[in-house]
Amino acid sequence: MARTATQTKAKEAGAPRERGGVQSLERAASILDVVARHRDGASLAQLSVETGLHSSTAFHLLKTLVALGFVAQVPESKRYRVGSRLFGLAAGALDETTLLSLASPVLERLSTATGEASHLAIRSRHEIVVVARMAATGLLQMSDRTGSSRPAHATAIGKTLLAAMPDADLDRLLATLPLPAFTPSTITDPVELRREIDRVRERGIAHDDGELDRDVRCIALPVHDFAGRVAAAIGISAPVWRLSIEMLEEKVDHLRSAAQELSGLIGGDSSAHP
């Protein structure tokens, strides 16, 4: 619940002087938290209400945060958004090791909830790299970058990551990307693959119906980072003899929850998944 202006002024006036530096940091942090929640930017009035700070206090802190690059003000709307310096700090913190450490317990819970194997993948130029897999038994299986690449066109995780690419980059990649057949179901025509990627974008979920291994079916969803970009793909797989693609999709709510949880852990919008 937001504090009233009278309560806020009284609190500010009665704050111990020796806490001045720490208090300023706490207030600045609360402003950053609110700014980060408003993807379209937050007004001074919103920031004042949601932080419980007097508008003049919030304004002076915002001036400093803008000057330091942690917050940016949109000239047209005068609203405040996350600044480039904060993006830089977040990007530096989110490396592959960090992503893996955050993802491991999420994958474990996903495999436990679905009874299926789960996996996490990232895109490295034209390759899809599986960085971790959790067996249906709940046993984490680490994958080294070397030798763990997967073909993008024949996997649900790969299609998810391809679908996140800008159209121009995607078309350039598809013009040169080899599309070998692994099973009779593998898509080997670049035009048909482009249509499949468009369908992934429309549905918000990718499928691999025996396209890499004729005995395995997979579904995958994107994981979003602090900038709203797709940082990884998370998926589950099952043997075709046990689950149809429709039966596998019945587990999509668990997969969506895992994608939302991991997105939130890396600073993304956990509500971004349809």
Protein backbone atom coordinates (compact mmCIF):
# COMPACT_ATOMS: atom_id res chain seq x y z
CA MET A 1 0.00 0.00 0.00
CA ALA A 2 1.40 3.45 -0.93
CA ARG A 3 2.16 5.79 1.97
CA THR A 4 0.38 9.16 2.20
CA ALA A 5 2.36 12.33 1.51
CA THR A 6 2.10 13.28 5.20
CA GLN A 7 3.46 9.90 6.32
CA THR A 8 6.25 10.07 3.79
CA LYS A 9 7.28 13.61 4.75
CA ALA A 10 7.29 12.66 8.42
CA LYS A 11 9.41 9.62 7.75
CA GLU A 12 11.84 11.62 5.61
CA ALA A 13 12.10 14.39 8.20
CA GLY A 14 12.70 11.97 11.05
CA ALA A 15 15.27 9.78 9.32
CA PRO A 16 18.56 9.52 11.22
CA ARG A 17 21.28 11.57 9.56
CA GLU A 18 23.81 8.79 9.85
CA ARG A 19 21.67 6.66 7.55
CA GLY A 20 21.64 9.32 4.85
CA GLY A 21 23.86 7.48 2.39
CA VAL A 22 22.21 4.11 2.89
CA GLN A 23 18.75 5.65 2.75
CA SER A 24 19.52 7.37 -0.54
CA LEU A 25 20.67 4.05 -1.99
CA GLU A 26 17.51 2.34 -0.76
CA ARG A 27 15.35 5.05 -2.32
CA ALA A 28 17.27 4.92 -5.60
CA ALA A 29 16.90 1.13 -5.64
CA SER A 30 13.15 1.41 -5.08
CA ILE A 31 12.92 3.82 -8.02
CA LEU A 32 14.85 1.41 -10.24
CA ASP A 33 12.53 -1.43 -9.21
CA VAL A 34 9.47 0.58 -10.25
CA VAL A 35 11.03 1.80 -13.50
CA ALA A 36 11.94 -1.77 -14.43
CA ARG A 37 8.35 -2.94 -13.90
CA HIS A 38 6.96 -0.38 -16.35
CA ARG A 39 8.17 -1.46 -19.77
CA ASP A 40 6.56 1.59 -21.42
CA GLY A 41 8.09 3.93 -18.87
CA ALA A 42 6.82 5.40 -15.61
CA SER A 43 5.80 8.98 -14.91
CA LEU A 44 7.10 10.98 -11.95
CA ALA A 45 3.65 10.73 -10.36
CA GLN A 46 3.64 6.94 -10.71
CA LEU A 47 7.11 6.67 -9.24
CA SER A 48 6.17 8.87 -6.32
CA VAL A 49 3.05 6.83 -5.53
CA GLU A 50 4.62 3.39 -5.99
CA THR A 51 7.78 4.15 -4.02
CA GLY A 52 6.05 6.21 -1.36
CA LEU A 53 8.55 9.04 -1.90
CA HIS A 54 7.62 12.71 -2.06
CA SER A 55 7.63 13.84 -5.69
CA SER A 56 10.45 16.32 -5.08
CA THR A 57 12.61 13.59 -3.51
CA ALA A 58 11.86 11.22 -6.37
CA PHE A 59 12.63 13.94 -8.92
CA HIS A 60 16.06 14.74 -7.45
CA LEU A 61 16.98 11.06 -7.28
CA LEU A 62 15.82 10.59 -10.87
CA LYS A 63 18.01 13.47 -12.02
CA THR A 64 21.03 11.72 -10.55
CA LEU A 65 20.06 8.33 -11.97
CA VAL A 66 19.56 9.87 -15.42
CA ALA A 67 22.93 11.63 -15.22
CA LEU A 68 24.60 8.32 -14.32
CA GLY A 69 22.86 6.46 -17.14
CA PHE A 70 20.87 4.08 -14.94
CA VAL A 71 17.58 5.69 -15.99
CA ALA A 72 16.61 7.40 -19.25
CA GLN A 73 13.81 9.90 -19.82
CA VAL A 74 11.73 9.59 -22.98
CA PRO A 75 11.64 13.13 -24.47
CA GLU A 76 8.15 12.85 -25.98
CA SER A 77 6.31 11.43 -22.97
CA LYS A 78 8.66 12.57 -20.18
CA ARG A 79 8.35 9.06 -18.76
CA TYR A 80 11.32 7.26 -17.22
CA ARG A 81 12.72 3.97 -18.50
CA VAL A 82 15.67 1.71 -17.71
CA GLY A 83 18.91 3.30 -18.93
CA SER A 84 21.69 1.86 -21.04
CA ARG A 85 24.13 1.60 -18.14
CA LEU A 86 21.79 -0.74 -16.30
CA PHE A 87 21.43 -2.87 -19.43
CA GLY A 88 25.21 -3.09 -19.63
CA LEU A 89 25.51 -4.25 -16.04
CA ALA A 90 22.79 -6.84 -16.52
CA ALA A 91 24.34 -8.13 -19.73
CA GLY A 92 27.69 -8.52 -18.03
CA ALA A 93 26.13 -10.50 -15.20
CA LEU A 94 24.21 -12.87 -17.45
CA ASP A 95 26.80 -15.21 -18.91
CA GLU A 96 26.33 -18.86 -19.74
CA THR A 97 27.49 -20.04 -16.30
CA THR A 98 24.99 -17.77 -14.55
CA LEU A 99 22.18 -18.88 -16.84
CA LEU A 100 23.01 -22.52 -16.18
CA SER A 101 23.11 -22.11 -12.40
CA LEU A 102 19.72 -20.38 -12.45
CA ALA A 103 18.21 -22.87 -14.87
CA SER A 104 19.26 -26.12 -13.19
CA PRO A 105 16.65 -26.10 -10.39
CA VAL A 106 14.00 -24.92 -12.86
CA LEU A 107 14.77 -27.85 -15.16
CA GLU A 108 14.68 -30.24 -12.23
CA ARG A 109 11.22 -29.04 -11.17
CA LEU A 110 10.02 -29.18 -14.78
CA SER A 111 11.12 -32.79 -15.22
CA THR A 112 9.58 -33.74 -11.89
CA ALA A 113 6.26 -32.08 -12.78
CA THR A 114 6.02 -33.54 -16.29
CA GLY A 115 7.84 -36.83 -15.89
CA GLU A 116 9.75 -35.96 -19.07
CA ALA A 117 13.29 -34.98 -19.98
CA SER A 118 13.88 -31.22 -20.08
CA HIS A 119 16.60 -29.18 -21.74
CA LEU A 120 17.91 -25.65 -22.10
CA ALA A 121 19.60 -24.28 -25.22
CA ILE A 122 21.12 -21.06 -26.51
CA ARG A 123 22.03 -19.87 -30.00
CA SER A 124 25.68 -19.36 -30.85
CA ARG A 125 25.76 -17.80 -34.32
CA HIS A 126 24.29 -20.48 -36.60
CA GLU A 127 24.42 -23.28 -34.02
CA ILE A 128 22.02 -24.30 -31.28
CA VAL A 129 23.92 -25.37 -28.17
CA VAL A 130 22.29 -27.47 -25.45
CA VAL A 131 23.84 -26.23 -22.21
CA ALA A 132 21.94 -28.49 -19.78
CA ARG A 133 19.60 -31.44 -19.82
CA MET A 134 17.58 -33.00 -17.06
CA ALA A 135 16.63 -36.63 -17.47
CA ALA A 136 13.09 -37.70 -16.67
CA THR A 137 14.56 -39.23 -13.50
CA GLY A 138 15.62 -35.76 -12.29
CA LEU A 139 19.33 -36.35 -12.93
CA LEU A 140 21.12 -33.27 -14.29
CA GLN A 141 23.24 -33.99 -17.35
CA MET A 142 25.73 -31.24 -18.15
CA SER A 143 26.60 -30.60 -21.78
CA ASP A 144 29.92 -29.09 -22.82
CA ARG A 145 29.74 -26.51 -25.59
CA THR A 146 32.04 -28.65 -27.75
CA GLY A 147 30.07 -31.43 -29.41
CA SER A 148 26.70 -30.43 -27.96
CA SER A 149 25.35 -28.46 -30.91
CA ARG A 150 21.99 -29.36 -32.39
CA PRO A 151 20.58 -28.56 -35.84
CA ALA A 152 18.27 -25.58 -35.58
CA HIS A 153 15.90 -26.70 -38.32
CA ALA A 154 15.18 -30.12 -36.83
CA THR A 155 14.60 -29.29 -33.16
CA ALA A 156 11.90 -27.47 -31.20
CA ILE A 157 14.52 -25.53 -29.25
CA GLY A 158 16.20 -24.55 -32.50
CA LYS A 159 12.98 -23.35 -34.11
CA THR A 160 12.22 -21.32 -30.99
CA LEU A 161 15.57 -19.54 -31.23
CA LEU A 162 15.27 -19.04 -34.99
CA ALA A 163 11.82 -17.51 -34.51
CA ALA A 164 13.34 -14.90 -32.21
CA MET A 165 15.72 -13.59 -34.87
CA PRO A 166 14.95 -10.38 -36.80
CA ASP A 167 13.55 -11.18 -40.25
CA ALA A 168 16.56 -9.85 -42.15
CA ASP A 169 19.02 -11.88 -40.06
CA LEU A 170 16.82 -14.95 -40.27
CA ASP A 171 16.53 -14.78 -44.05
CA ARG A 172 20.30 -14.38 -44.42
CA LEU A 173 20.86 -17.39 -42.20
CA LEU A 174 18.31 -19.56 -44.01
CA ALA A 175 19.92 -18.70 -47.34
CA THR A 176 23.14 -20.43 -46.27
CA LEU A 177 22.08 -22.84 -43.52
CA PRO A 178 22.47 -26.52 -44.47
CA LEU A 179 19.21 -28.43 -43.98
CA PRO A 180 20.16 -32.11 -43.91
CA ALA A 181 17.47 -34.74 -43.41
CA PHE A 182 17.73 -36.79 -40.21
CA THR A 183 14.36 -38.54 -40.54
CA PRO A 184 11.56 -38.54 -43.11
CA SER A 185 9.91 -35.77 -41.04
CA THR A 186 12.86 -33.33 -41.15
CA ILE A 187 12.11 -30.05 -42.94
CA THR A 188 14.74 -29.67 -45.66
CA ASP A 189 13.13 -26.96 -47.81
CA PRO A 190 14.10 -23.41 -46.71
CA VAL A 191 10.75 -22.02 -47.87
CA GLU A 192 8.84 -24.57 -45.80
CA LEU A 193 11.16 -23.95 -42.84
CA ARG A 194 10.40 -20.22 -43.07
CA ARG A 195 6.69 -21.05 -42.99
CA GLU A 196 7.25 -23.28 -39.97
CA ILE A 197 9.09 -20.48 -38.15
CA ASP A 198 6.18 -18.13 -38.92
CA ARG A 199 3.84 -20.71 -37.38
CA VAL A 200 6.06 -20.86 -34.29
CA ARG A 201 5.77 -17.09 -33.96
CA GLU A 202 1.98 -17.25 -34.32
CA ARG A 203 1.50 -20.13 -31.88
CA GLY A 204 4.17 -19.07 -29.44
CA ILE A 205 5.38 -22.66 -29.15
CA ALA A 206 7.65 -24.86 -31.29
CA HIS A 207 7.35 -28.57 -32.08
CA ASP A 208 9.74 -31.28 -33.16
CA ASP A 209 7.67 -34.29 -34.17
CA GLY A 210 10.36 -36.89 -34.77
CA GLU A 211 12.39 -34.53 -36.96
CA LEU A 212 15.83 -35.13 -35.44
CA ASP A 213 15.20 -38.55 -33.94
CA ARG A 214 12.18 -40.41 -35.28
CA ASP A 215 11.59 -41.85 -31.80
CA VAL A 216 11.45 -38.52 -29.95
CA ARG A 217 8.93 -35.66 -29.81
CA CYS A 218 9.69 -32.25 -28.30
CA ILE A 219 8.04 -28.91 -27.56
CA ALA A 220 9.83 -25.69 -26.58
CA LEU A 221 9.21 -22.12 -25.44
CA PRO A 222 11.43 -19.02 -25.32
CA VAL A 223 13.11 -17.58 -22.23
CA HIS A 224 13.26 -13.77 -22.23
CA ASP A 225 16.00 -11.63 -20.71
CA PHE A 226 15.93 -8.19 -19.07
CA ALA A 227 15.75 -6.45 -22.46
CA GLY A 228 12.85 -8.55 -23.70
CA ARG A 229 15.10 -10.55 -26.01
CA VAL A 230 14.99 -14.32 -26.28
CA ALA A 231 18.05 -15.48 -24.34
CA ALA A 232 17.41 -19.22 -24.48
CA ALA A 233 14.89 -21.92 -25.27
CA ILE A 234 13.51 -24.40 -22.77
CA GLY A 235 11.84 -27.63 -23.82
CA ILE A 236 10.63 -31.07 -22.86
CA SER A 237 10.84 -34.28 -24.87
CA ALA A 238 9.25 -37.72 -24.77
CA PRO A 239 9.42 -40.97 -26.76
CA VAL A 240 6.89 -41.13 -29.58
CA TRP A 241 5.66 -44.57 -28.52
CA ARG A 242 4.50 -43.18 -25.19
CA LEU A 243 3.16 -39.73 -26.00
CA SER A 244 1.49 -38.23 -29.04
CA ILE A 245 2.25 -34.57 -29.79
CA GLU A 246 -1.23 -33.74 -28.42
CA MET A 247 -0.51 -35.58 -25.17
CA LEU A 248 2.84 -33.81 -24.92
CA GLU A 249 1.12 -30.45 -25.36
CA GLU A 250 -1.08 -31.23 -22.37
CA LYS A 251 2.07 -30.63 -20.34
CA VAL A 252 2.62 -27.18 -21.86
CA ASP A 253 1.35 -25.37 -18.75
CA HIS A 254 4.26 -26.81 -16.78
CA LEU A 255 6.65 -25.80 -19.56
CA ARG A 256 5.19 -22.30 -19.67
CA SER A 257 5.55 -21.92 -15.90
CA ALA A 258 9.20 -22.97 -16.15
CA ALA A 259 9.85 -20.52 -18.99
CA GLN A 260 8.18 -17.74 -17.00
CA GLU A 261 10.15 -18.58 -13.87
CA LEU A 262 13.49 -18.63 -15.66
CA SER A 263 12.66 -15.42 -17.54
CA GLY A 264 11.96 -13.74 -14.22
CA LEU A 265 15.22 -15.01 -12.73
CA ILE A 266 17.26 -13.36 -15.50
CA GLY A 267 15.33 -10.10 -15.28
CA GLY A 268 12.83 -10.74 -18.04
CA ASP A 269 9.08 -10.25 -18.06
CA SER A 270 7.69 -13.43 -16.54
CA SER A 271 4.25 -12.66 -18.04
CA ALA A 272 5.54 -12.54 -21.61
CA HIS A 273 4.46 -16.08 -22.48
CA PRO A 274 1.00 -16.52 -24.00
